[in-house]
Amino acid sequence: MDLPSIDHLLTTTHSVRKRLDLEQPVEPSVIQACLQLAIHAPTGSNRQSYHFVVVTDPDKRAAIAGYYRQSWTDYIAVQDQEVAAAGVEGKRLEAIQRVRGSAQYLADNMHRVPVLIIPCYQGRVENDGPAAQAGLYGSIVPAAWSLILALRSRGLGASWTTLHLVYEREVAAVLGIPAQVTQVALLPVAYFTGEDFKPTERIPARARTYWDTWGQRR
């Protein structure tokens, strides 16, 4: 394996919002090829009960974007109150504002993103226990992330979003998704602008890794 290329892909694949090319069309064949790669990810009991709804119709994209925008508006109002109450300032506040600006741009332009993909899984687990919930999401999230990696390797960016799930039923009505199918995320997909991405800044894994007992570091 070409480890440098793989490592670069893994460290530079992150949410793309402002650098999505809202004008360049995305070929259906590219989306389908990436989905074919994505389904090789692990899935519980090899049931392969995943589904992917690819939305390119302008009216349907606009309807979904409207629900997403309303959910974002409600979410950010609560976040503003929490940030003010916590007295956040300095670099932490700057980081929050930077991410917020990027997310706001996506909310304002979601309807213009050429492709929206909604990964789904057969069944409902919101009223079941942790094991059932982990089993369902663990059977679709790996494939959805593999999809994002496949897209990234072909010059397309995406962002993992879930705010539309506040209006999951309404979005299901727009797309004809059956009631017994769980929507897991909403991926806005487009070619990205610019040449490449820098590795993401993260808290070192060592700081969040425990060995044998919670809180015990090596």
N, C-alpha and C. Protein backbone atom coordinates (compact mmCIF):
# COMPACT_ATOMS: atom_id res chain seq x y z
N MET A 1 0.84 -1.20 0.00
CA MET A 1 0.00 0.00 0.00
C MET A 1 0.87 1.25 0.00
N ASP A 2 0.35 2.29 -0.59
CA ASP A 2 1.04 3.58 -0.59
C ASP A 2 0.63 4.32 0.68
N LEU A 3 1.34 4.05 1.77
CA LEU A 3 0.95 4.61 3.06
C LEU A 3 0.93 6.13 3.10
N PRO A 4 1.91 6.84 2.50
CA PRO A 4 1.83 8.30 2.53
C PRO A 4 0.54 8.85 1.92
N SER A 5 0.10 8.26 0.80
CA SER A 5 -1.13 8.73 0.17
C SER A 5 -2.34 8.42 1.03
N ILE A 6 -2.34 7.23 1.62
CA ILE A 6 -3.46 6.86 2.48
C ILE A 6 -3.50 7.75 3.72
N ASP A 7 -2.34 7.98 4.32
CA ASP A 7 -2.28 8.83 5.51
C ASP A 7 -2.73 10.26 5.18
N HIS A 8 -2.35 10.73 4.00
CA HIS A 8 -2.75 12.08 3.59
C HIS A 8 -4.26 12.16 3.43
N LEU A 9 -4.84 11.14 2.82
CA LEU A 9 -6.29 11.11 2.63
C LEU A 9 -7.01 11.13 3.97
N LEU A 10 -6.52 10.33 4.91
CA LEU A 10 -7.19 10.22 6.20
C LEU A 10 -7.05 11.48 7.05
N THR A 11 -5.93 12.18 6.92
CA THR A 11 -5.70 13.36 7.76
C THR A 11 -6.22 14.65 7.14
N THR A 12 -6.62 14.61 5.89
CA THR A 12 -7.10 15.83 5.23
C THR A 12 -8.56 15.73 4.78
N THR A 13 -9.25 14.68 5.19
CA THR A 13 -10.67 14.56 4.87
C THR A 13 -11.47 15.08 6.05
N HIS A 14 -12.14 16.20 5.83
CA HIS A 14 -12.94 16.79 6.90
C HIS A 14 -14.11 17.53 6.27
N SER A 15 -14.91 18.15 7.09
CA SER A 15 -16.10 18.83 6.58
C SER A 15 -15.73 19.96 5.62
N VAL A 16 -16.34 19.93 4.44
CA VAL A 16 -16.11 20.97 3.44
C VAL A 16 -17.41 21.77 3.31
N ARG A 17 -17.33 23.05 3.57
CA ARG A 17 -18.52 23.89 3.51
C ARG A 17 -18.31 25.07 2.54
N LYS A 18 -17.39 25.95 2.90
CA LYS A 18 -17.19 27.14 2.07
C LYS A 18 -16.48 26.83 0.75
N ARG A 19 -15.77 25.72 0.70
CA ARG A 19 -15.01 25.40 -0.52
C ARG A 19 -15.76 24.43 -1.44
N LEU A 20 -17.04 24.25 -1.22
CA LEU A 20 -17.84 23.47 -2.16
C LEU A 20 -18.10 24.31 -3.41
N ASP A 21 -17.86 23.73 -4.58
CA ASP A 21 -18.11 24.43 -5.84
C ASP A 21 -19.60 24.31 -6.15
N LEU A 22 -20.31 25.41 -5.99
CA LEU A 22 -21.77 25.41 -6.15
C LEU A 22 -22.21 25.53 -7.60
N GLU A 23 -21.27 25.69 -8.50
CA GLU A 23 -21.61 25.89 -9.91
C GLU A 23 -21.31 24.66 -10.78
N GLN A 24 -20.28 23.91 -10.42
CA GLN A 24 -19.88 22.77 -11.27
C GLN A 24 -20.78 21.56 -11.04
N PRO A 25 -21.37 21.02 -12.09
CA PRO A 25 -22.20 19.82 -11.93
C PRO A 25 -21.37 18.62 -11.49
N VAL A 26 -22.03 17.69 -10.83
CA VAL A 26 -21.39 16.44 -10.41
C VAL A 26 -21.99 15.30 -11.21
N GLU A 27 -21.14 14.55 -11.86
CA GLU A 27 -21.62 13.48 -12.72
C GLU A 27 -22.22 12.33 -11.89
N PRO A 28 -23.42 11.87 -12.25
CA PRO A 28 -24.03 10.74 -11.53
C PRO A 28 -23.13 9.51 -11.50
N SER A 29 -22.36 9.30 -12.56
CA SER A 29 -21.49 8.13 -12.62
C SER A 29 -20.43 8.16 -11.52
N VAL A 30 -19.95 9.35 -11.17
CA VAL A 30 -18.95 9.48 -10.12
C VAL A 30 -19.57 9.14 -8.76
N ILE A 31 -20.78 9.65 -8.52
CA ILE A 31 -21.47 9.34 -7.28
C ILE A 31 -21.70 7.84 -7.16
N GLN A 32 -22.16 7.23 -8.24
CA GLN A 32 -22.43 5.79 -8.20
C GLN A 32 -21.17 4.98 -7.97
N ALA A 33 -20.07 5.39 -8.57
CA ALA A 33 -18.80 4.69 -8.37
C ALA A 33 -18.35 4.78 -6.92
N CYS A 34 -18.52 5.95 -6.32
CA CYS A 34 -18.12 6.12 -4.92
C CYS A 34 -19.02 5.31 -3.99
N LEU A 35 -20.30 5.23 -4.32
CA LEU A 35 -21.21 4.42 -3.52
C LEU A 35 -20.85 2.94 -3.61
N GLN A 36 -20.43 2.51 -4.79
CA GLN A 36 -20.03 1.11 -4.96
C GLN A 36 -18.83 0.77 -4.08
N LEU A 37 -17.93 1.72 -3.91
CA LEU A 37 -16.80 1.53 -3.02
C LEU A 37 -17.24 1.55 -1.57
N ALA A 38 -18.18 2.43 -1.25
CA ALA A 38 -18.61 2.62 0.13
C ALA A 38 -19.25 1.38 0.72
N ILE A 39 -19.97 0.62 -0.09
CA ILE A 39 -20.71 -0.52 0.46
C ILE A 39 -19.82 -1.69 0.85
N HIS A 40 -18.52 -1.57 0.61
CA HIS A 40 -17.60 -2.61 1.06
C HIS A 40 -17.26 -2.45 2.55
N ALA A 41 -17.74 -1.38 3.16
CA ALA A 41 -17.51 -1.18 4.60
C ALA A 41 -18.26 -2.24 5.40
N PRO A 42 -17.83 -2.50 6.64
CA PRO A 42 -18.52 -3.49 7.47
C PRO A 42 -19.97 -3.09 7.74
N THR A 43 -20.83 -4.09 7.87
CA THR A 43 -22.23 -3.86 8.23
C THR A 43 -22.70 -5.02 9.08
N GLY A 44 -23.53 -4.75 10.07
CA GLY A 44 -23.92 -5.75 11.05
C GLY A 44 -24.52 -7.01 10.45
N SER A 45 -23.97 -8.17 10.83
CA SER A 45 -24.44 -9.47 10.37
C SER A 45 -24.47 -9.60 8.85
N ASN A 46 -23.76 -8.71 8.19
CA ASN A 46 -23.71 -8.68 6.72
C ASN A 46 -25.11 -8.59 6.10
N ARG A 47 -26.01 -7.88 6.78
CA ARG A 47 -27.38 -7.77 6.28
C ARG A 47 -27.48 -6.85 5.08
N GLN A 48 -26.58 -5.86 5.03
CA GLN A 48 -26.56 -4.92 3.90
C GLN A 48 -27.92 -4.23 3.73
N SER A 49 -28.49 -3.80 4.85
CA SER A 49 -29.81 -3.15 4.82
C SER A 49 -29.70 -1.63 4.70
N TYR A 50 -28.62 -1.17 4.10
CA TYR A 50 -28.44 0.26 3.90
C TYR A 50 -29.11 0.72 2.61
N HIS A 51 -29.37 2.02 2.57
CA HIS A 51 -29.92 2.66 1.38
C HIS A 51 -29.29 4.05 1.29
N PHE A 52 -29.15 4.57 0.08
CA PHE A 52 -28.62 5.91 -0.13
C PHE A 52 -29.57 6.67 -1.05
N VAL A 53 -30.11 7.76 -0.56
CA VAL A 53 -31.00 8.57 -1.38
C VAL A 53 -30.19 9.75 -1.93
N VAL A 54 -30.00 9.77 -3.23
CA VAL A 54 -29.22 10.82 -3.89
C VAL A 54 -30.20 11.85 -4.46
N VAL A 55 -30.07 13.08 -4.01
CA VAL A 55 -31.04 14.12 -4.39
C VAL A 55 -30.36 15.16 -5.28
N THR A 56 -30.82 15.24 -6.52
CA THR A 56 -30.30 16.25 -7.46
C THR A 56 -31.40 17.17 -7.97
N ASP A 57 -32.66 16.79 -7.79
CA ASP A 57 -33.78 17.61 -8.25
C ASP A 57 -33.77 18.96 -7.51
N PRO A 58 -33.77 20.09 -8.24
CA PRO A 58 -33.66 21.41 -7.60
C PRO A 58 -34.76 21.69 -6.59
N ASP A 59 -36.00 21.33 -6.92
CA ASP A 59 -37.11 21.60 -6.00
C ASP A 59 -36.98 20.80 -4.72
N LYS A 60 -36.58 19.54 -4.83
CA LYS A 60 -36.42 18.71 -3.64
C LYS A 60 -35.22 19.16 -2.81
N ARG A 61 -34.15 19.57 -3.48
CA ARG A 61 -33.01 20.10 -2.74
C ARG A 61 -33.40 21.36 -1.98
N ALA A 62 -34.21 22.21 -2.62
CA ALA A 62 -34.66 23.44 -1.98
C ALA A 62 -35.53 23.15 -0.77
N ALA A 63 -36.40 22.15 -0.88
CA ALA A 63 -37.27 21.80 0.23
C ALA A 63 -36.46 21.28 1.42
N ILE A 64 -35.51 20.40 1.13
CA ILE A 64 -34.66 19.86 2.20
C ILE A 64 -33.83 20.96 2.83
N ALA A 65 -33.29 21.84 1.99
CA ALA A 65 -32.48 22.95 2.49
C ALA A 65 -33.29 23.86 3.40
N GLY A 66 -34.58 24.02 3.10
CA GLY A 66 -35.44 24.85 3.93
C GLY A 66 -35.58 24.27 5.33
N TYR A 67 -35.79 22.97 5.42
CA TYR A 67 -35.87 22.32 6.73
C TYR A 67 -34.54 22.40 7.46
N TYR A 68 -33.46 22.21 6.73
CA TYR A 68 -32.13 22.29 7.34
C TYR A 68 -31.88 23.69 7.89
N ARG A 69 -32.24 24.69 7.13
CA ARG A 69 -32.01 26.08 7.53
C ARG A 69 -32.79 26.43 8.79
N GLN A 70 -34.03 25.95 8.86
CA GLN A 70 -34.83 26.23 10.05
C GLN A 70 -34.24 25.55 11.28
N SER A 71 -33.79 24.32 11.10
CA SER A 71 -33.17 23.59 12.20
C SER A 71 -31.89 24.29 12.65
N TRP A 72 -31.11 24.77 11.70
CA TRP A 72 -29.88 25.50 12.02
C TRP A 72 -30.19 26.77 12.79
N THR A 73 -31.20 27.50 12.38
CA THR A 73 -31.57 28.74 13.06
C THR A 73 -31.93 28.47 14.52
N ASP A 74 -32.70 27.43 14.76
CA ASP A 74 -33.08 27.08 16.13
C ASP A 74 -31.86 26.62 16.94
N TYR A 75 -31.01 25.84 16.30
CA TYR A 75 -29.83 25.32 16.98
C TYR A 75 -28.87 26.43 17.38
N ILE A 76 -28.62 27.36 16.48
CA ILE A 76 -27.63 28.40 16.76
C ILE A 76 -28.14 29.37 17.81
N ALA A 77 -29.45 29.55 17.90
CA ALA A 77 -30.02 30.42 18.93
C ALA A 77 -29.73 29.84 20.31
N VAL A 78 -29.86 28.52 20.45
CA VAL A 78 -29.57 27.86 21.72
C VAL A 78 -28.07 27.91 22.01
N GLN A 79 -27.25 27.70 20.99
CA GLN A 79 -25.80 27.73 21.19
C GLN A 79 -25.34 29.12 21.64
N ASP A 80 -25.92 30.15 21.07
CA ASP A 80 -25.56 31.52 21.47
C ASP A 80 -25.82 31.74 22.95
N GLN A 81 -26.95 31.23 23.42
CA GLN A 81 -27.28 31.37 24.83
C GLN A 81 -26.29 30.61 25.71
N GLU A 82 -25.92 29.42 25.28
CA GLU A 82 -24.98 28.60 26.06
C GLU A 82 -23.60 29.24 26.11
N VAL A 83 -23.14 29.78 24.97
CA VAL A 83 -21.82 30.42 24.92
C VAL A 83 -21.81 31.66 25.82
N ALA A 84 -22.89 32.44 25.77
CA ALA A 84 -22.97 33.64 26.60
C ALA A 84 -23.00 33.28 28.08
N ALA A 85 -23.76 32.25 28.42
CA ALA A 85 -23.88 31.84 29.82
C ALA A 85 -22.56 31.30 30.36
N ALA A 86 -21.79 30.64 29.50
CA ALA A 86 -20.52 30.06 29.92
C ALA A 86 -19.38 31.08 29.94
N GLY A 87 -19.62 32.26 29.39
CA GLY A 87 -18.59 33.28 29.37
C GLY A 87 -17.40 32.92 28.52
N VAL A 88 -17.64 32.20 27.44
CA VAL A 88 -16.54 31.79 26.56
C VAL A 88 -15.91 33.01 25.91
N GLU A 89 -14.58 33.04 25.85
CA GLU A 89 -13.88 34.16 25.23
C GLU A 89 -12.53 33.71 24.72
N GLY A 90 -11.79 34.64 24.14
CA GLY A 90 -10.44 34.34 23.68
C GLY A 90 -10.41 33.40 22.49
N LYS A 91 -9.40 32.54 22.45
CA LYS A 91 -9.21 31.64 21.31
C LYS A 91 -10.36 30.66 21.16
N ARG A 92 -10.92 30.23 22.28
CA ARG A 92 -12.04 29.29 22.21
C ARG A 92 -13.24 29.94 21.51
N LEU A 93 -13.51 31.19 21.84
CA LEU A 93 -14.61 31.91 21.20
C LEU A 93 -14.32 32.13 19.73
N GLU A 94 -13.07 32.44 19.39
CA GLU A 94 -12.69 32.62 17.99
C GLU A 94 -12.90 31.34 17.20
N ALA A 95 -12.55 30.21 17.80
CA ALA A 95 -12.73 28.92 17.13
C ALA A 95 -14.21 28.64 16.90
N ILE A 96 -15.03 28.92 17.90
CA ILE A 96 -16.47 28.71 17.76
C ILE A 96 -17.04 29.59 16.66
N GLN A 97 -16.62 30.83 16.63
CA GLN A 97 -17.12 31.77 15.62
C GLN A 97 -16.66 31.38 14.22
N ARG A 98 -15.46 30.84 14.11
CA ARG A 98 -14.95 30.42 12.81
C ARG A 98 -15.77 29.25 12.26
N VAL A 99 -16.02 28.27 13.10
CA VAL A 99 -16.83 27.12 12.68
C VAL A 99 -18.26 27.56 12.39
N ARG A 100 -18.76 28.46 13.22
CA ARG A 100 -20.12 28.94 13.01
C ARG A 100 -20.27 29.66 11.68
N GLY A 101 -19.29 30.48 11.33
CA GLY A 101 -19.35 31.19 10.06
C GLY A 101 -19.38 30.24 8.88
N SER A 102 -18.59 29.17 8.97
CA SER A 102 -18.56 28.17 7.91
C SER A 102 -19.89 27.43 7.84
N ALA A 103 -20.43 27.06 9.01
CA ALA A 103 -21.70 26.35 9.05
C ALA A 103 -22.85 27.24 8.58
N GLN A 104 -22.78 28.52 8.91
CA GLN A 104 -23.82 29.45 8.46
C GLN A 104 -23.82 29.56 6.94
N TYR A 105 -22.64 29.60 6.37
CA TYR A 105 -22.53 29.66 4.91
C TYR A 105 -23.19 28.45 4.28
N LEU A 106 -22.95 27.27 4.85
CA LEU A 106 -23.55 26.06 4.30
C LEU A 106 -25.07 26.11 4.43
N ALA A 107 -25.57 26.56 5.58
CA ALA A 107 -27.01 26.66 5.77
C ALA A 107 -27.64 27.62 4.77
N ASP A 108 -26.96 28.71 4.51
CA ASP A 108 -27.48 29.71 3.57
C ASP A 108 -27.45 29.22 2.13
N ASN A 109 -26.56 28.27 1.83
CA ASN A 109 -26.37 27.84 0.44
C ASN A 109 -26.68 26.36 0.20
N MET A 110 -27.27 25.70 1.17
CA MET A 110 -27.54 24.27 1.02
C MET A 110 -28.33 23.97 -0.26
N HIS A 111 -29.27 24.83 -0.60
CA HIS A 111 -30.10 24.60 -1.78
C HIS A 111 -29.30 24.66 -3.08
N ARG A 112 -28.13 25.27 -3.03
CA ARG A 112 -27.30 25.42 -4.22
C ARG A 112 -26.31 24.28 -4.41
N VAL A 113 -26.14 23.46 -3.37
CA VAL A 113 -25.21 22.33 -3.47
C VAL A 113 -25.77 21.34 -4.49
N PRO A 114 -24.99 20.94 -5.49
CA PRO A 114 -25.54 20.14 -6.60
C PRO A 114 -26.07 18.76 -6.24
N VAL A 115 -25.51 18.15 -5.18
CA VAL A 115 -25.95 16.80 -4.80
C VAL A 115 -26.08 16.72 -3.28
N LEU A 116 -27.21 16.19 -2.82
CA LEU A 116 -27.40 15.88 -1.41
C LEU A 116 -27.59 14.37 -1.30
N ILE A 117 -26.87 13.75 -0.39
CA ILE A 117 -26.99 12.31 -0.21
C ILE A 117 -27.42 12.03 1.23
N ILE A 118 -28.47 11.22 1.36
CA ILE A 118 -28.96 10.84 2.68
C ILE A 118 -28.75 9.34 2.88
N PRO A 119 -27.76 8.95 3.69
CA PRO A 119 -27.59 7.53 4.02
C PRO A 119 -28.72 7.08 4.94
N CYS A 120 -29.30 5.94 4.67
CA CYS A 120 -30.42 5.43 5.46
C CYS A 120 -30.19 3.97 5.81
N TYR A 121 -30.95 3.50 6.80
CA TYR A 121 -30.88 2.08 7.16
C TYR A 121 -32.27 1.57 7.49
N GLN A 122 -32.52 0.33 7.10
CA GLN A 122 -33.83 -0.27 7.32
C GLN A 122 -34.07 -0.51 8.81
N GLY A 123 -35.18 0.00 9.33
CA GLY A 123 -35.54 -0.22 10.73
C GLY A 123 -35.53 1.06 11.54
N ARG A 124 -36.09 0.98 12.74
CA ARG A 124 -36.13 2.10 13.67
C ARG A 124 -35.64 1.61 15.03
N VAL A 125 -34.83 2.40 15.73
CA VAL A 125 -34.30 1.97 17.02
C VAL A 125 -34.39 3.07 18.09
N GLU A 126 -35.08 4.17 17.79
CA GLU A 126 -35.09 5.26 18.76
C GLU A 126 -35.75 4.88 20.09
N ASN A 127 -36.58 3.86 20.08
CA ASN A 127 -37.22 3.42 21.31
C ASN A 127 -36.59 2.16 21.89
N ASP A 128 -35.47 1.74 21.32
CA ASP A 128 -34.78 0.54 21.78
C ASP A 128 -33.55 0.92 22.60
N GLY A 129 -32.86 -0.07 23.10
CA GLY A 129 -31.72 0.15 23.97
C GLY A 129 -30.43 0.45 23.22
N PRO A 130 -29.34 0.71 23.97
CA PRO A 130 -28.05 1.07 23.37
C PRO A 130 -27.52 0.05 22.37
N ALA A 131 -27.72 -1.24 22.64
CA ALA A 131 -27.17 -2.26 21.75
C ALA A 131 -27.84 -2.20 20.38
N ALA A 132 -29.16 -2.05 20.37
CA ALA A 132 -29.88 -1.98 19.10
C ALA A 132 -29.51 -0.71 18.33
N GLN A 133 -29.38 0.39 19.06
CA GLN A 133 -29.01 1.65 18.41
C GLN A 133 -27.61 1.59 17.83
N ALA A 134 -26.66 1.03 18.62
CA ALA A 134 -25.29 0.91 18.13
C ALA A 134 -25.23 -0.02 16.94
N GLY A 135 -26.04 -1.07 16.96
CA GLY A 135 -26.04 -2.01 15.85
C GLY A 135 -26.53 -1.38 14.57
N LEU A 136 -27.61 -0.59 14.65
CA LEU A 136 -28.13 0.03 13.44
C LEU A 136 -27.15 1.06 12.89
N TYR A 137 -26.74 2.00 13.73
CA TYR A 137 -25.85 3.06 13.23
C TYR A 137 -24.49 2.51 12.84
N GLY A 138 -24.04 1.48 13.55
CA GLY A 138 -22.77 0.87 13.20
C GLY A 138 -22.79 0.11 11.89
N SER A 139 -24.01 -0.11 11.37
CA SER A 139 -24.15 -0.83 10.10
C SER A 139 -24.24 0.10 8.90
N ILE A 140 -24.30 1.41 9.14
CA ILE A 140 -24.41 2.36 8.03
C ILE A 140 -23.35 3.46 8.10
N VAL A 141 -22.94 3.87 9.31
CA VAL A 141 -21.96 4.96 9.43
C VAL A 141 -20.63 4.61 8.78
N PRO A 142 -20.09 3.39 8.94
CA PRO A 142 -18.84 3.08 8.24
C PRO A 142 -18.93 3.26 6.73
N ALA A 143 -20.05 2.82 6.14
CA ALA A 143 -20.22 2.97 4.69
C ALA A 143 -20.34 4.44 4.31
N ALA A 144 -21.03 5.22 5.14
CA ALA A 144 -21.19 6.64 4.83
C ALA A 144 -19.84 7.36 4.89
N TRP A 145 -19.00 6.97 5.87
CA TRP A 145 -17.68 7.62 5.94
C TRP A 145 -16.79 7.15 4.80
N SER A 146 -16.89 5.88 4.43
CA SER A 146 -16.15 5.41 3.26
C SER A 146 -16.57 6.17 2.01
N LEU A 147 -17.84 6.50 1.93
CA LEU A 147 -18.32 7.31 0.80
C LEU A 147 -17.64 8.66 0.78
N ILE A 148 -17.54 9.30 1.93
CA ILE A 148 -16.88 10.61 2.00
C ILE A 148 -15.42 10.51 1.58
N LEU A 149 -14.74 9.44 2.01
CA LEU A 149 -13.34 9.24 1.63
C LEU A 149 -13.21 9.01 0.12
N ALA A 150 -14.12 8.21 -0.44
CA ALA A 150 -14.09 7.95 -1.88
C ALA A 150 -14.33 9.24 -2.67
N LEU A 151 -15.27 10.04 -2.20
CA LEU A 151 -15.53 11.33 -2.85
C LEU A 151 -14.31 12.23 -2.78
N ARG A 152 -13.69 12.28 -1.61
CA ARG A 152 -12.51 13.13 -1.41
C ARG A 152 -11.39 12.74 -2.37
N SER A 153 -11.21 11.44 -2.59
CA SER A 153 -10.13 10.97 -3.46
C SER A 153 -10.37 11.34 -4.92
N ARG A 154 -11.60 11.73 -5.23
CA ARG A 154 -11.96 12.10 -6.60
C ARG A 154 -12.23 13.59 -6.76
N GLY A 155 -11.78 14.37 -5.78
CA GLY A 155 -11.89 15.82 -5.88
C GLY A 155 -13.21 16.39 -5.43
N LEU A 156 -14.01 15.59 -4.73
CA LEU A 156 -15.30 16.09 -4.23
C LEU A 156 -15.25 16.22 -2.72
N GLY A 157 -15.89 17.26 -2.22
CA GLY A 157 -15.96 17.48 -0.79
C GLY A 157 -17.35 17.19 -0.28
N ALA A 158 -17.45 16.96 1.01
CA ALA A 158 -18.74 16.70 1.64
C ALA A 158 -18.67 17.18 3.08
N SER A 159 -19.82 17.24 3.70
CA SER A 159 -19.88 17.61 5.11
C SER A 159 -20.89 16.71 5.80
N TRP A 160 -20.51 16.17 6.94
CA TRP A 160 -21.42 15.31 7.69
C TRP A 160 -22.37 16.21 8.49
N THR A 161 -23.63 16.23 8.14
CA THR A 161 -24.60 17.04 8.86
C THR A 161 -25.78 16.18 9.31
N THR A 162 -26.42 16.61 10.39
CA THR A 162 -27.56 15.86 10.92
C THR A 162 -28.73 16.76 11.32
N LEU A 163 -28.61 18.05 11.16
CA LEU A 163 -29.65 18.97 11.62
C LEU A 163 -30.99 18.75 10.94
N HIS A 164 -30.99 18.23 9.72
CA HIS A 164 -32.27 18.03 9.04
C HIS A 164 -33.12 16.97 9.74
N LEU A 165 -32.47 16.15 10.61
CA LEU A 165 -33.20 15.08 11.27
C LEU A 165 -34.25 15.58 12.26
N VAL A 166 -34.16 16.85 12.63
CA VAL A 166 -35.24 17.45 13.42
C VAL A 166 -36.55 17.38 12.63
N TYR A 167 -36.41 17.43 11.32
CA TYR A 167 -37.57 17.36 10.42
C TYR A 167 -37.50 16.09 9.56
N GLU A 168 -37.09 14.99 10.19
CA GLU A 168 -36.92 13.75 9.43
C GLU A 168 -38.21 13.33 8.72
N ARG A 169 -39.33 13.42 9.40
CA ARG A 169 -40.59 13.00 8.78
C ARG A 169 -40.94 13.86 7.58
N GLU A 170 -40.72 15.16 7.72
CA GLU A 170 -41.03 16.06 6.61
C GLU A 170 -40.14 15.78 5.40
N VAL A 171 -38.84 15.54 5.67
CA VAL A 171 -37.91 15.22 4.58
C VAL A 171 -38.28 13.87 3.96
N ALA A 172 -38.70 12.92 4.79
CA ALA A 172 -39.13 11.63 4.28
C ALA A 172 -40.31 11.79 3.33
N ALA A 173 -41.22 12.69 3.66
CA ALA A 173 -42.38 12.94 2.80
C ALA A 173 -41.95 13.52 1.46
N VAL A 174 -40.97 14.40 1.49
CA VAL A 174 -40.48 15.01 0.25
C VAL A 174 -39.89 13.95 -0.68
N LEU A 175 -39.19 12.97 -0.09
CA LEU A 175 -38.44 11.99 -0.88
C LEU A 175 -39.12 10.63 -0.97
N GLY A 176 -40.25 10.47 -0.31
CA GLY A 176 -40.93 9.18 -0.35
C GLY A 176 -40.22 8.09 0.43
N ILE A 177 -39.47 8.45 1.47
CA ILE A 177 -38.76 7.47 2.28
C ILE A 177 -39.76 6.80 3.22
N PRO A 178 -39.81 5.47 3.25
CA PRO A 178 -40.76 4.76 4.11
C PRO A 178 -40.56 5.08 5.60
N ALA A 179 -41.63 4.97 6.37
CA ALA A 179 -41.59 5.31 7.79
C ALA A 179 -40.64 4.42 8.58
N GLN A 180 -40.44 3.17 8.14
CA GLN A 180 -39.59 2.24 8.87
C GLN A 180 -38.12 2.30 8.46
N VAL A 181 -37.76 3.35 7.73
CA VAL A 181 -36.36 3.56 7.33
C VAL A 181 -35.80 4.74 8.11
N THR A 182 -34.64 4.56 8.71
CA THR A 182 -33.99 5.60 9.50
C THR A 182 -33.01 6.40 8.65
N GLN A 183 -33.20 7.71 8.62
CA GLN A 183 -32.21 8.58 7.99
C GLN A 183 -31.09 8.82 8.99
N VAL A 184 -29.85 8.78 8.53
CA VAL A 184 -28.71 8.85 9.44
C VAL A 184 -27.95 10.18 9.34
N ALA A 185 -27.91 10.77 8.17
CA ALA A 185 -27.17 12.02 7.98
C ALA A 185 -27.61 12.65 6.67
N LEU A 186 -27.11 13.84 6.43
CA LEU A 186 -27.31 14.54 5.17
C LEU A 186 -25.94 15.02 4.70
N LEU A 187 -25.50 14.52 3.55
CA LEU A 187 -24.19 14.87 3.03
C LEU A 187 -24.32 15.79 1.82
N PRO A 188 -24.03 17.07 1.96
CA PRO A 188 -23.96 17.94 0.79
C PRO A 188 -22.66 17.66 0.04
N VAL A 189 -22.75 17.40 -1.25
CA VAL A 189 -21.60 16.95 -2.03
C VAL A 189 -21.40 17.84 -3.24
N ALA A 190 -20.15 18.24 -3.46
CA ALA A 190 -19.78 19.03 -4.64
C ALA A 190 -18.28 18.93 -4.84
N TYR A 191 -17.82 19.25 -6.02
CA TYR A 191 -16.38 19.37 -6.22
C TYR A 191 -15.87 20.49 -5.32
N PHE A 192 -14.67 20.31 -4.77
CA PHE A 192 -14.15 21.37 -3.92
C PHE A 192 -13.23 22.28 -4.71
N THR A 193 -13.17 23.52 -4.27
CA THR A 193 -12.31 24.51 -4.91
C THR A 193 -10.93 24.48 -4.28
N GLY A 194 -9.93 24.95 -5.01
CA GLY A 194 -8.57 24.93 -4.51
C GLY A 194 -7.89 23.61 -4.83
N GLU A 195 -6.65 23.51 -4.41
CA GLU A 195 -5.85 22.35 -4.77
C GLU A 195 -5.98 21.20 -3.78
N ASP A 196 -5.89 21.48 -2.49
CA ASP A 196 -5.87 20.40 -1.52
C ASP A 196 -6.24 20.98 -0.15
N PHE A 197 -6.24 20.12 0.86
CA PHE A 197 -6.54 20.53 2.22
C PHE A 197 -5.37 20.21 3.13
N LYS A 198 -5.21 21.01 4.18
CA LYS A 198 -4.20 20.74 5.19
C LYS A 198 -4.75 19.72 6.19
N PRO A 199 -3.86 19.02 6.88
CA PRO A 199 -4.34 18.12 7.93
C PRO A 199 -5.15 18.88 8.97
N THR A 200 -6.17 18.23 9.49
CA THR A 200 -7.02 18.86 10.49
C THR A 200 -6.28 18.98 11.83
N GLU A 201 -6.64 20.00 12.60
CA GLU A 201 -6.08 20.17 13.93
C GLU A 201 -6.96 19.41 14.92
N ARG A 202 -6.36 18.54 15.68
CA ARG A 202 -7.10 17.71 16.62
C ARG A 202 -6.33 17.59 17.94
N ILE A 203 -7.07 17.36 19.02
CA ILE A 203 -6.43 17.00 20.28
C ILE A 203 -5.70 15.68 20.05
N PRO A 204 -4.45 15.56 20.47
CA PRO A 204 -3.70 14.32 20.22
C PRO A 204 -4.44 13.09 20.74
N ALA A 205 -4.39 12.00 19.98
CA ALA A 205 -5.08 10.78 20.37
C ALA A 205 -4.60 10.27 21.73
N ARG A 206 -3.32 10.47 22.03
CA ARG A 206 -2.77 10.01 23.30
C ARG A 206 -3.51 10.63 24.49
N ALA A 207 -3.95 11.88 24.30
CA ALA A 207 -4.64 12.58 25.39
C ALA A 207 -6.04 12.04 25.65
N ARG A 208 -6.58 11.30 24.71
CA ARG A 208 -7.93 10.75 24.85
C ARG A 208 -7.93 9.21 24.80
N THR A 209 -6.76 8.61 25.02
CA THR A 209 -6.64 7.15 24.98
C THR A 209 -6.32 6.60 26.36
N TYR A 210 -7.10 5.63 26.81
CA TYR A 210 -6.88 5.02 28.11
C TYR A 210 -6.61 3.53 27.92
N TRP A 211 -5.77 2.97 28.78
CA TRP A 211 -5.37 1.58 28.66
C TRP A 211 -5.87 0.80 29.88
N ASP A 212 -6.74 -0.16 29.63
CA ASP A 212 -7.26 -1.10 30.62
C ASP A 212 -8.23 -0.47 31.62
N THR A 213 -8.03 0.80 32.00
CA THR A 213 -8.91 1.46 32.95
C THR A 213 -9.13 2.90 32.50
N TRP A 214 -10.37 3.38 32.64
CA TRP A 214 -10.68 4.75 32.25
C TRP A 214 -9.76 5.72 32.97
N GLY A 215 -9.13 6.61 32.19
CA GLY A 215 -8.26 7.61 32.76
C GLY A 215 -6.82 7.19 32.88
N GLN A 216 -6.52 5.93 32.64
CA GLN A 216 -5.14 5.43 32.75
C GLN A 216 -4.44 5.51 31.42
N ARG A 217 -3.36 6.29 31.39
CA ARG A 217 -2.59 6.45 30.16
C ARG A 217 -1.31 5.64 30.22
N ARG A 218 -0.82 5.37 29.06
CA ARG A 218 0.38 4.53 28.96
C ARG A 218 1.62 5.40 29.01
